PDB file of all heavy atoms in Angstrom:
ATOM      1  N   VAL A   1     163.164 175.557 135.594  1.00  0.00           N
ATOM      2  CA  VAL A   1     163.477 175.702 134.176  1.00  0.00           C
ATOM      3  C   VAL A   1     164.973 175.498 133.938  1.00  0.00           C
ATOM      4  O   VAL A   1     165.385 174.838 132.969  1.00  0.00           O
ATOM      5  CB  VAL A   1     163.017 177.081 133.657  1.00  0.00           C
ATOM      6  CG1 VAL A   1     163.504 177.313 132.231  1.00  0.00           C
ATOM      7  CG2 VAL A   1     161.495 177.187 133.712  1.00  0.00           C
ATOM      8  N   LYS A   2     165.800 176.028 134.830  1.00  0.00           N
ATOM      9  CA  LYS A   2     167.245 175.853 134.696  1.00  0.00           C
ATOM     10  C   LYS A   2     167.636 174.390 134.875  1.00  0.00           C
ATOM     11  O   LYS A   2     168.526 173.884 134.187  1.00  0.00           O
ATOM     12  CB  LYS A   2     167.975 176.745 135.695  1.00  0.00           C
ATOM     13  CG  LYS A   2     167.889 178.227 135.354  1.00  0.00           C
ATOM     14  CD  LYS A   2     168.646 179.090 136.351  1.00  0.00           C
ATOM     15  CE  LYS A   2     168.587 180.567 135.942  1.00  0.00           C
ATOM     16  NZ  LYS A   2     169.307 181.442 136.902  1.00  0.00           N
ATOM     17  N   MET A   3     166.971 173.710 135.802  1.00  0.00           N
ATOM     18  CA  MET A   3     167.252 172.284 135.990  1.00  0.00           C
ATOM     19  C   MET A   3     166.874 171.498 134.754  1.00  0.00           C
ATOM     20  O   MET A   3     167.591 170.575 134.334  1.00  0.00           O
ATOM     21  CB  MET A   3     166.483 171.772 137.207  1.00  0.00           C
ATOM     22  CG  MET A   3     166.871 170.355 137.631  1.00  0.00           C
ATOM     23  SD  MET A   3     168.566 170.275 138.260  1.00  0.00           S
ATOM     24  CE  MET A   3     169.190 168.848 137.364  1.00  0.00           C
ATOM     25  N   PHE A   4     165.751 171.848 134.132  1.00  0.00           N
ATOM     26  CA  PHE A   4     165.359 171.179 132.892  1.00  0.00           C
ATOM     27  C   PHE A   4     166.420 171.397 131.810  1.00  0.00           C
ATOM     28  O   PHE A   4     166.764 170.468 131.070  1.00  0.00           O
ATOM     29  CB  PHE A   4     164.012 171.709 132.405  1.00  0.00           C
ATOM     30  CG  PHE A   4     163.594 171.148 131.074  1.00  0.00           C
ATOM     31  CD1 PHE A   4     162.980 169.915 130.991  1.00  0.00           C
ATOM     32  CD2 PHE A   4     163.828 171.850 129.898  1.00  0.00           C
ATOM     33  CE1 PHE A   4     162.600 169.376 129.765  1.00  0.00           C
ATOM     34  CE2 PHE A   4     163.466 171.325 128.674  1.00  0.00           C
ATOM     35  CZ  PHE A   4     162.848 170.088 128.608  1.00  0.00           C
ATOM     36  N   ALA A   5     166.951 172.629 131.723  1.00  0.00           N
ATOM     37  CA  ALA A   5     167.986 172.920 130.727  1.00  0.00           C
ATOM     38  C   ALA A   5     169.235 172.086 130.989  1.00  0.00           C
ATOM     39  O   ALA A   5     169.890 171.614 130.049  1.00  0.00           O
ATOM     40  CB  ALA A   5     168.316 174.411 130.748  1.00  0.00           C
ATOM     41  N   ILE A   6     169.581 171.883 132.262  1.00  0.00           N
ATOM     42  CA  ILE A   6     170.746 171.063 132.603  1.00  0.00           C
ATOM     43  C   ILE A   6     170.524 169.622 132.153  1.00  0.00           C
ATOM     44  O   ILE A   6     171.399 169.000 131.536  1.00  0.00           O
ATOM     45  CB  ILE A   6     171.016 171.135 134.120  1.00  0.00           C
ATOM     46  CG1 ILE A   6     171.548 172.516 134.499  1.00  0.00           C
ATOM     47  CG2 ILE A   6     172.015 170.059 134.543  1.00  0.00           C
ATOM     48  CD1 ILE A   6     171.679 172.743 135.998  1.00  0.00           C
ATOM     49  N   VAL A   7     169.347 169.085 132.457  1.00  0.00           N
ATOM     50  CA  VAL A   7     169.048 167.702 132.073  1.00  0.00           C
ATOM     51  C   VAL A   7     169.019 167.557 130.558  1.00  0.00           C
ATOM     52  O   VAL A   7     169.556 166.602 129.997  1.00  0.00           O
ATOM     53  CB  VAL A   7     167.698 167.268 132.684  1.00  0.00           C
ATOM     54  CG1 VAL A   7     167.282 165.895 132.162  1.00  0.00           C
ATOM     55  CG2 VAL A   7     167.791 167.245 134.213  1.00  0.00           C
ATOM     56  N   LEU A   8     168.421 168.544 129.885  1.00  0.00           N
ATOM     57  CA  LEU A   8     168.292 168.483 128.429  1.00  0.00           C
ATOM     58  C   LEU A   8     169.649 168.499 127.739  1.00  0.00           C
ATOM     59  O   LEU A   8     169.819 167.882 126.682  1.00  0.00           O
ATOM     60  CB  LEU A   8     167.439 169.663 127.943  1.00  0.00           C
ATOM     61  CG  LEU A   8     167.080 169.693 126.460  1.00  0.00           C
ATOM     62  CD1 LEU A   8     166.189 168.507 126.104  1.00  0.00           C
ATOM     63  CD2 LEU A   8     166.390 171.002 126.101  1.00  0.00           C
ATOM     64  N   THR A   9     170.628 169.193 128.312  1.00  0.00           N
ATOM     65  CA  THR A   9     171.952 169.320 127.685  1.00  0.00           C
ATOM     66  C   THR A   9     172.956 168.310 128.220  1.00  0.00           C
ATOM     67  O   THR A   9     174.149 168.403 127.915  1.00  0.00           O
ATOM     68  CB  THR A   9     172.505 170.745 127.888  1.00  0.00           C
ATOM     69  OG1 THR A   9     172.511 171.065 129.297  1.00  0.00           O
ATOM     70  CG2 THR A   9     171.664 171.769 127.160  1.00  0.00           C
ATOM     71  N   SER A  10     172.494 167.334 129.028  1.00  0.00           N
ATOM     72  CA  SER A  10     173.393 166.272 129.485  1.00  0.00           C
ATOM     73  C   SER A  10     173.650 165.307 128.332  1.00  0.00           C
ATOM     74  O   SER A  10     172.747 164.987 127.558  1.00  0.00           O
ATOM     75  CB  SER A  10     172.785 165.538 130.678  1.00  0.00           C
ATOM     76  OG  SER A  10     172.669 166.396 131.793  1.00  0.00           O
ATOM     77  N   TRP A  11     174.893 164.858 128.243  1.00  0.00           N
ATOM     78  CA  TRP A  11     175.278 164.032 127.087  1.00  0.00           C
ATOM     79  C   TRP A  11     176.346 163.028 127.533  1.00  0.00           C
ATOM     80  O   TRP A  11     177.166 163.332 128.391  1.00  0.00           O
ATOM     81  CB  TRP A  11     175.834 164.942 125.981  1.00  0.00           C
ATOM     82  CG  TRP A  11     176.205 164.212 124.736  1.00  0.00           C
ATOM     83  CD1 TRP A  11     175.397 163.947 123.665  1.00  0.00           C
ATOM     84  CD2 TRP A  11     177.466 163.634 124.426  1.00  0.00           C
ATOM     85  NE1 TRP A  11     176.087 163.240 122.708  1.00  0.00           N
ATOM     86  CE2 TRP A  11     177.368 163.030 123.151  1.00  0.00           C
ATOM     87  CE3 TRP A  11     178.683 163.539 125.101  1.00  0.00           C
ATOM     88  CZ2 TRP A  11     178.426 162.350 122.552  1.00  0.00           C
ATOM     89  CZ3 TRP A  11     179.747 162.874 124.511  1.00  0.00           C
ATOM     90  CH2 TRP A  11     179.612 162.296 123.241  1.00  0.00           C
ATOM     91  N   PRO A  12     176.362 161.796 126.958  1.00  0.00           N
ATOM     92  CA  PRO A  12     175.418 161.253 125.987  1.00  0.00           C
ATOM     93  C   PRO A  12     174.179 160.703 126.679  1.00  0.00           C
ATOM     94  O   PRO A  12     174.245 160.332 127.851  1.00  0.00           O
ATOM     95  CB  PRO A  12     176.231 160.128 125.345  1.00  0.00           C
ATOM     96  CG  PRO A  12     177.107 159.643 126.451  1.00  0.00           C
ATOM     97  CD  PRO A  12     177.470 160.871 127.244  1.00  0.00           C
ATOM     98  N   PRO A  13     173.048 160.642 125.991  1.00  0.00           N
ATOM     99  CA  PRO A  13     171.841 160.106 126.609  1.00  0.00           C
ATOM    100  C   PRO A  13     171.993 158.612 126.888  1.00  0.00           C
ATOM    101  O   PRO A  13     172.489 157.856 126.048  1.00  0.00           O
ATOM    102  CB  PRO A  13     170.753 160.367 125.559  1.00  0.00           C
ATOM    103  CG  PRO A  13     171.500 160.479 124.260  1.00  0.00           C
ATOM    104  CD  PRO A  13     172.833 161.074 124.600  1.00  0.00           C
ATOM    105  N   ALA A  14     171.572 158.197 128.069  1.00  0.00           N
ATOM    106  CA  ALA A  14     171.731 156.793 128.475  1.00  0.00           C
ATOM    107  C   ALA A  14     170.604 155.946 127.892  1.00  0.00           C
ATOM    108  O   ALA A  14     169.686 155.512 128.596  1.00  0.00           O
ATOM    109  CB  ALA A  14     171.755 156.701 129.992  1.00  0.00           C
ATOM    110  N   VAL A  15     170.664 155.709 126.595  1.00  0.00           N
ATOM    111  CA  VAL A  15     169.658 154.894 125.909  1.00  0.00           C
ATOM    112  C   VAL A  15     170.370 153.896 125.003  1.00  0.00           C
ATOM    113  O   VAL A  15     171.541 154.075 124.640  1.00  0.00           O
ATOM    114  CB  VAL A  15     168.684 155.763 125.078  1.00  0.00           C
ATOM    115  CG1 VAL A  15     167.897 156.681 125.982  1.00  0.00           C
ATOM    116  CG2 VAL A  15     169.436 156.584 124.026  1.00  0.00           C
ATOM    117  N   GLY A  16     169.662 152.832 124.641  1.00  0.00           N
ATOM    118  CA  GLY A  16     170.190 151.859 123.696  1.00  0.00           C
ATOM    119  C   GLY A  16     171.518 151.258 124.115  1.00  0.00           C
ATOM    120  O   GLY A  16     171.726 150.874 125.271  1.00  0.00           O
ATOM    121  N   SER A  17     172.440 151.189 123.167  1.00  0.00           N
ATOM    122  CA  SER A  17     173.739 150.564 123.415  1.00  0.00           C
ATOM    123  C   SER A  17     174.567 151.348 124.435  1.00  0.00           C
ATOM    124  O   SER A  17     175.405 150.773 125.131  1.00  0.00           O
ATOM    125  CB  SER A  17     174.516 150.449 122.097  1.00  0.00           C
ATOM    126  OG  SER A  17     174.735 151.735 121.527  1.00  0.00           O
ATOM    127  N   ILE A  18     174.330 152.658 124.532  1.00  0.00           N
ATOM    128  CA  ILE A  18     175.062 153.464 125.527  1.00  0.00           C
ATOM    129  C   ILE A  18     174.667 153.022 126.929  1.00  0.00           C
ATOM    130  O   ILE A  18     175.525 152.841 127.814  1.00  0.00           O
ATOM    131  CB  ILE A  18     174.774 154.961 125.322  1.00  0.00           C
ATOM    132  CG1 ILE A  18     175.307 155.423 123.966  1.00  0.00           C
ATOM    133  CG2 ILE A  18     175.392 155.786 126.444  1.00  0.00           C
ATOM    134  CD1 ILE A  18     174.980 156.866 123.635  1.00  0.00           C
ATOM    135  N   ALA A  19     173.373 152.836 127.174  1.00  0.00           N
ATOM    136  CA  ALA A  19     172.920 152.371 128.487  1.00  0.00           C
ATOM    137  C   ALA A  19     173.445 150.971 128.782  1.00  0.00           C
ATOM    138  O   ALA A  19     173.829 150.671 129.926  1.00  0.00           O
ATOM    139  CB  ALA A  19     171.396 152.395 128.540  1.00  0.00           C
ATOM    140  N   LYS A  20     173.465 150.119 127.779  1.00  0.00           N
ATOM    141  CA  LYS A  20     173.993 148.762 127.959  1.00  0.00           C
ATOM    142  C   LYS A  20     175.455 148.806 128.378  1.00  0.00           C
ATOM    143  O   LYS A  20     175.866 148.101 129.311  1.00  0.00           O
ATOM    144  CB  LYS A  20     173.830 147.965 126.667  1.00  0.00           C
ATOM    145  CG  LYS A  20     174.334 146.531 126.763  1.00  0.00           C
ATOM    146  CD  LYS A  20     174.130 145.788 125.453  1.00  0.00           C
ATOM    147  CE  LYS A  20     174.634 144.353 125.556  1.00  0.00           C
ATOM    148  NZ  LYS A  20     174.438 143.621 124.282  1.00  0.00           N
ATOM    149  N   HIS A  21     176.236 149.661 127.705  1.00  0.00           N
ATOM    150  CA  HIS A  21     177.653 149.794 128.050  1.00  0.00           C
ATOM    151  C   HIS A  21     177.823 150.341 129.467  1.00  0.00           C
ATOM    152  O   HIS A  21     178.679 149.883 130.223  1.00  0.00           O
ATOM    153  CB  HIS A  21     178.347 150.718 127.048  1.00  0.00           C
ATOM    154  CG  HIS A  21     179.774 151.002 127.383  1.00  0.00           C
ATOM    155  ND1 HIS A  21     180.784 150.073 127.222  1.00  0.00           N
ATOM    156  CD2 HIS A  21     180.366 152.112 127.912  1.00  0.00           C
ATOM    157  CE1 HIS A  21     181.926 150.594 127.622  1.00  0.00           C
ATOM    158  NE2 HIS A  21     181.701 151.831 128.039  1.00  0.00           N
ATOM    159  N   MET A  22     176.992 151.326 129.841  1.00  0.00           N
ATOM    160  CA  MET A  22     177.086 151.889 131.188  1.00  0.00           C
ATOM    161  C   MET A  22     176.788 150.837 132.248  1.00  0.00           C
ATOM    162  O   MET A  22     177.449 150.776 133.290  1.00  0.00           O
ATOM    163  CB  MET A  22     176.116 153.067 131.334  1.00  0.00           C
ATOM    164  CG  MET A  22     176.518 154.321 130.582  1.00  0.00           C
ATOM    165  SD  MET A  22     175.277 155.647 130.781  1.00  0.00           S
ATOM    166  CE  MET A  22     176.021 156.971 129.813  1.00  0.00           C
ATOM    167  N   GLY A  23     175.785 149.986 131.978  1.00  0.00           N
ATOM    168  CA  GLY A  23     175.453 148.929 132.925  1.00  0.00           C
ATOM    169  C   GLY A  23     176.572 147.914 133.062  1.00  0.00           C
ATOM    170  O   GLY A  23     176.916 147.485 134.172  1.00  0.00           O
ATOM    171  N   GLN A  24     177.158 147.506 131.927  1.00  0.00           N
ATOM    172  CA  GLN A  24     178.275 146.560 131.967  1.00  0.00           C
ATOM    173  C   GLN A  24     179.479 147.152 132.681  1.00  0.00           C
ATOM    174  O   GLN A  24     180.144 146.476 133.479  1.00  0.00           O
ATOM    175  CB  GLN A  24     178.649 146.152 130.540  1.00  0.00           C
ATOM    176  CG  GLN A  24     177.584 145.320 129.836  1.00  0.00           C
ATOM    177  CD  GLN A  24     177.912 145.069 128.377  1.00  0.00           C
ATOM    178  OE1 GLN A  24     178.749 145.763 127.764  1.00  0.00           O
ATOM    179  NE2 GLN A  24     177.241 144.091 127.789  1.00  0.00           N
ATOM    180  N   GLU A  25     179.755 148.421 132.411  1.00  0.00           N
ATOM    181  CA  GLU A  25     180.891 149.080 133.046  1.00  0.00           C
ATOM    182  C   GLU A  25     180.676 149.199 134.556  1.00  0.00           C
ATOM    183  O   GLU A  25     181.625 149.063 135.333  1.00  0.00           O
ATOM    184  CB  GLU A  25     181.095 150.465 132.427  1.00  0.00           C
ATOM    185  CG  GLU A  25     182.437 151.094 132.753  1.00  0.00           C
ATOM    186  CD  GLU A  25     182.685 152.364 131.949  1.00  0.00           C
ATOM    187  OE1 GLU A  25     182.076 153.396 132.280  1.00  0.00           O
ATOM    188  OE2 GLU A  25     183.479 152.311 130.988  1.00  0.00           O
ATOM    189  N   MET A  26     179.446 149.412 134.977  1.00  0.00           N
ATOM    190  CA  MET A  26     179.139 149.479 136.400  1.00  0.00           C
ATOM    191  C   MET A  26     179.424 148.137 137.069  1.00  0.00           C
ATOM    192  O   MET A  26     180.016 148.075 138.163  1.00  0.00           O
ATOM    193  CB  MET A  26     177.688 149.887 136.612  1.00  0.00           C
ATOM    194  CG  MET A  26     177.291 150.053 138.065  1.00  0.00           C
ATOM    195  SD  MET A  26     175.567 150.586 138.263  1.00  0.00           S
ATOM    196  CE  MET A  26     175.683 152.283 137.688  1.00  0.00           C
ATOM    197  N   ASP A  27     179.033 147.043 136.421  1.00  0.00           N
ATOM    198  CA  ASP A  27     179.306 145.709 136.965  1.00  0.00           C
ATOM    199  C   ASP A  27     180.808 145.489 137.126  1.00  0.00           C
ATOM    200  O   ASP A  27     181.277 145.027 138.173  1.00  0.00           O
ATOM    201  CB  ASP A  27     178.740 144.627 136.043  1.00  0.00           C
ATOM    202  CG  ASP A  27     177.220 144.602 136.043  1.00  0.00           C
ATOM    203  OD1 ASP A  27     176.621 145.076 137.028  1.00  0.00           O
ATOM    204  OD2 ASP A  27     176.633 144.106 135.057  1.00  0.00           O
ATOM    205  N   GLU A  28     181.563 145.803 136.078  1.00  0.00           N
ATOM    206  CA  GLU A  28     183.015 145.611 136.120  1.00  0.00           C
ATOM    207  C   GLU A  28     183.659 146.490 137.197  1.00  0.00           C
ATOM    208  O   GLU A  28     184.549 146.032 137.931  1.00  0.00           O
ATOM    209  CB  GLU A  28     183.613 145.944 134.751  1.00  0.00           C
ATOM    210  CG  GLU A  28     183.147 145.040 133.623  1.00  0.00           C
ATOM    211  CD  GLU A  28     183.546 145.577 132.263  1.00  0.00           C
ATOM    212  OE1 GLU A  28     184.303 146.585 132.211  1.00  0.00           O
ATOM    213  OE2 GLU A  28     183.103 145.014 131.244  1.00  0.00           O
ATOM    214  N   ALA A  29     183.204 147.729 137.276  1.00  0.00           N
ATOM    215  CA  ALA A  29     183.809 148.665 138.231  1.00  0.00           C
ATOM    216  C   ALA A  29     183.543 148.241 139.672  1.00  0.00           C
ATOM    217  O   ALA A  29     184.433 148.347 140.531  1.00  0.00           O
ATOM    218  CB  ALA A  29     183.278 150.074 137.982  1.00  0.00           C
ATOM    219  N   LEU A  30     182.327 147.762 139.961  1.00  0.00           N
ATOM    220  CA  LEU A  30     182.025 147.327 141.324  1.00  0.00           C
ATOM    221  C   LEU A  30     182.930 146.179 141.745  1.00  0.00           C
ATOM    222  O   LEU A  30     183.381 146.119 142.899  1.00  0.00           O
ATOM    223  CB  LEU A  30     180.553 146.919 141.425  1.00  0.00           C
ATOM    224  CG  LEU A  30     179.554 148.082 141.507  1.00  0.00           C
ATOM    225  CD1 LEU A  30     178.130 147.579 141.337  1.00  0.00           C
ATOM    226  CD2 LEU A  30     179.696 148.826 142.833  1.00  0.00           C
ATOM    227  N   GLU A  31     183.220 145.267 140.817  1.00  0.00           N
ATOM    228  CA  GLU A  31     184.138 144.169 141.123  1.00  0.00           C
ATOM    229  C   GLU A  31     185.538 144.697 141.419  1.00  0.00           C
ATOM    230  O   GLU A  31     186.189 144.282 142.384  1.00  0.00           O
ATOM    231  CB  GLU A  31     184.181 143.184 139.956  1.00  0.00           C
ATOM    232  CG  GLU A  31     182.908 142.386 139.764  1.00  0.00           C
ATOM    233  CD  GLU A  31     183.021 141.396 138.623  1.00  0.00           C
ATOM    234  OE1 GLU A  31     184.156 141.216 138.106  1.00  0.00           O
ATOM    235  OE2 GLU A  31     181.997 140.799 138.239  1.00  0.00           O
ATOM    236  N   VAL A  32     186.020 145.619 140.587  1.00  0.00           N
ATOM    237  CA  VAL A  32     187.363 146.182 140.772  1.00  0.00           C
ATOM    238  C   VAL A  32     187.439 146.967 142.077  1.00  0.00           C
ATOM    239  O   VAL A  32     188.407 146.827 142.856  1.00  0.00           O
ATOM    240  CB  VAL A  32     187.729 147.096 139.575  1.00  0.00           C
ATOM    241  CG1 VAL A  32     189.027 147.854 139.851  1.00  0.00           C
ATOM    242  CG2 VAL A  32     187.851 146.275 138.296  1.00  0.00           C
ATOM    243  N   PHE A  33     186.440 147.784 142.345  1.00  0.00           N
ATOM    244  CA  PHE A  33     186.458 148.612 143.548  1.00  0.00           C
ATOM    245  C   PHE A  33     186.401 147.753 144.806  1.00  0.00           C
ATOM    246  O   PHE A  33     187.079 148.050 145.798  1.00  0.00           O
ATOM    247  CB  PHE A  33     185.289 149.605 143.516  1.00  0.00           C
ATOM    248  CG  PHE A  33     185.547 150.838 142.699  1.00  0.00           C
ATOM    249  CD1 PHE A  33     186.145 150.750 141.457  1.00  0.00           C
ATOM    250  CD2 PHE A  33     185.181 152.082 143.158  1.00  0.00           C
ATOM    251  CE1 PHE A  33     186.383 151.880 140.683  1.00  0.00           C
ATOM    252  CE2 PHE A  33     185.412 153.229 142.407  1.00  0.00           C
ATOM    253  CZ  PHE A  33     186.022 153.126 141.163  1.00  0.00           C
ATOM    254  N   GLU A  34     185.588 146.685 144.763  1.00  0.00           N
ATOM    255  CA  GLU A  34     185.500 145.812 145.934  1.00  0.00           C
ATOM    256  C   GLU A  34     186.802 145.045 146.138  1.00  0.00           C
ATOM    257  O   GLU A  34     187.282 144.896 147.267  1.00  0.00           O
ATOM    258  CB  GLU A  34     184.325 144.844 145.768  1.00  0.00           C
ATOM    259  CG  GLU A  34     184.051 144.023 147.011  1.00  0.00           C
ATOM    260  CD  GLU A  34     182.755 143.235 146.917  1.00  0.00           C
ATOM    261  OE1 GLU A  34     182.116 143.266 145.836  1.00  0.00           O
ATOM    262  OE2 GLU A  34     182.392 142.588 147.909  1.00  0.00           O
ATOM    263  N   ARG A  35     187.395 144.586 145.048  1.00  0.00           N
ATOM    264  CA  ARG A  35     188.643 143.829 145.131  1.00  0.00           C
ATOM    265  C   ARG A  35     189.779 144.684 145.697  1.00  0.00           C
ATOM    266  O   ARG A  35     190.626 144.197 146.467  1.00  0.00           O
ATOM    267  CB  ARG A  35     189.021 143.310 143.739  1.00  0.00           C
ATOM    268  CG  ARG A  35     190.279 142.449 143.733  1.00  0.00           C
ATOM    269  CD  ARG A  35     190.492 141.786 142.394  1.00  0.00           C
ATOM    270  NE  ARG A  35     190.767 142.732 141.331  1.00  0.00           N
ATOM    271  CZ  ARG A  35     189.957 142.957 140.298  1.00  0.00           C
ATOM    272  NH1 ARG A  35     188.808 142.307 140.204  1.00  0.00           N
ATOM    273  NH2 ARG A  35     190.275 143.812 139.356  1.00  0.00           N
ATOM    274  N   ASN A  36     189.785 145.961 145.376  1.00  0.00           N
ATOM    275  CA  ASN A  36     190.849 146.856 145.856  1.00  0.00           C
ATOM    276  C   ASN A  36     190.535 147.491 147.212  1.00  0.00           C
ATOM    277  O   ASN A  36     191.366 148.254 147.733  1.00  0.00           O
ATOM    278  CB  ASN A  36     191.103 147.958 144.830  1.00  0.00           C
ATOM    279  CG  ASN A  36     191.850 147.457 143.605  1.00  0.00           C
ATOM    280  OD1 ASN A  36     193.064 147.238 143.634  1.00  0.00           O
ATOM    281  ND2 ASN A  36     191.123 147.250 142.513  1.00  0.00           N
ATOM    282  N   GLY A  37     189.375 147.217 147.765  1.00  0.00           N
ATOM    283  CA  GLY A  37     189.036 147.745 149.082  1.00  0.00           C
ATOM    284  C   GLY A  37     188.605 149.200 149.076  1.00  0.00           C
ATOM    285  O   GLY A  37     188.507 149.827 150.138  1.00  0.00           O
ATOM    286  N   TRP A  38     188.279 149.749 147.900  1.00  0.00           N
ATOM    287  CA  TRP A  38     187.931 151.171 147.815  1.00  0.00           C
ATOM    288  C   TRP A  38     186.517 151.450 148.320  1.00  0.00           C
ATOM    289  O   TRP A  38     186.235 152.572 148.737  1.00  0.00           O
ATOM    290  CB  TRP A  38     188.060 151.654 146.366  1.00  0.00           C
ATOM    291  CG  TRP A  38     189.467 151.586 145.850  1.00  0.00           C
ATOM    292  CD1 TRP A  38     190.615 151.701 146.579  1.00  0.00           C
ATOM    293  CD2 TRP A  38     189.873 151.392 144.493  1.00  0.00           C
ATOM    294  NE1 TRP A  38     191.717 151.582 145.766  1.00  0.00           N
ATOM    295  CE2 TRP A  38     191.302 151.400 144.476  1.00  0.00           C
ATOM    296  CE3 TRP A  38     189.199 151.221 143.288  1.00  0.00           C
ATOM    297  CZ2 TRP A  38     192.035 151.237 143.309  1.00  0.00           C
ATOM    298  CZ3 TRP A  38     189.922 151.064 142.116  1.00  0.00           C
ATOM    299  CH2 TRP A  38     191.326 151.072 142.129  1.00  0.00           C
TER     300      TRP A  38
END
């Protein structure tokens, strides 16, 4: 029940344009991290 409460109160929800932005940011970050050797 506590885990459900944690998930329910997580913000912002990864849906719609927010999920799209998260996916694009992940692509960009992987390129930067690989280029810098991190």
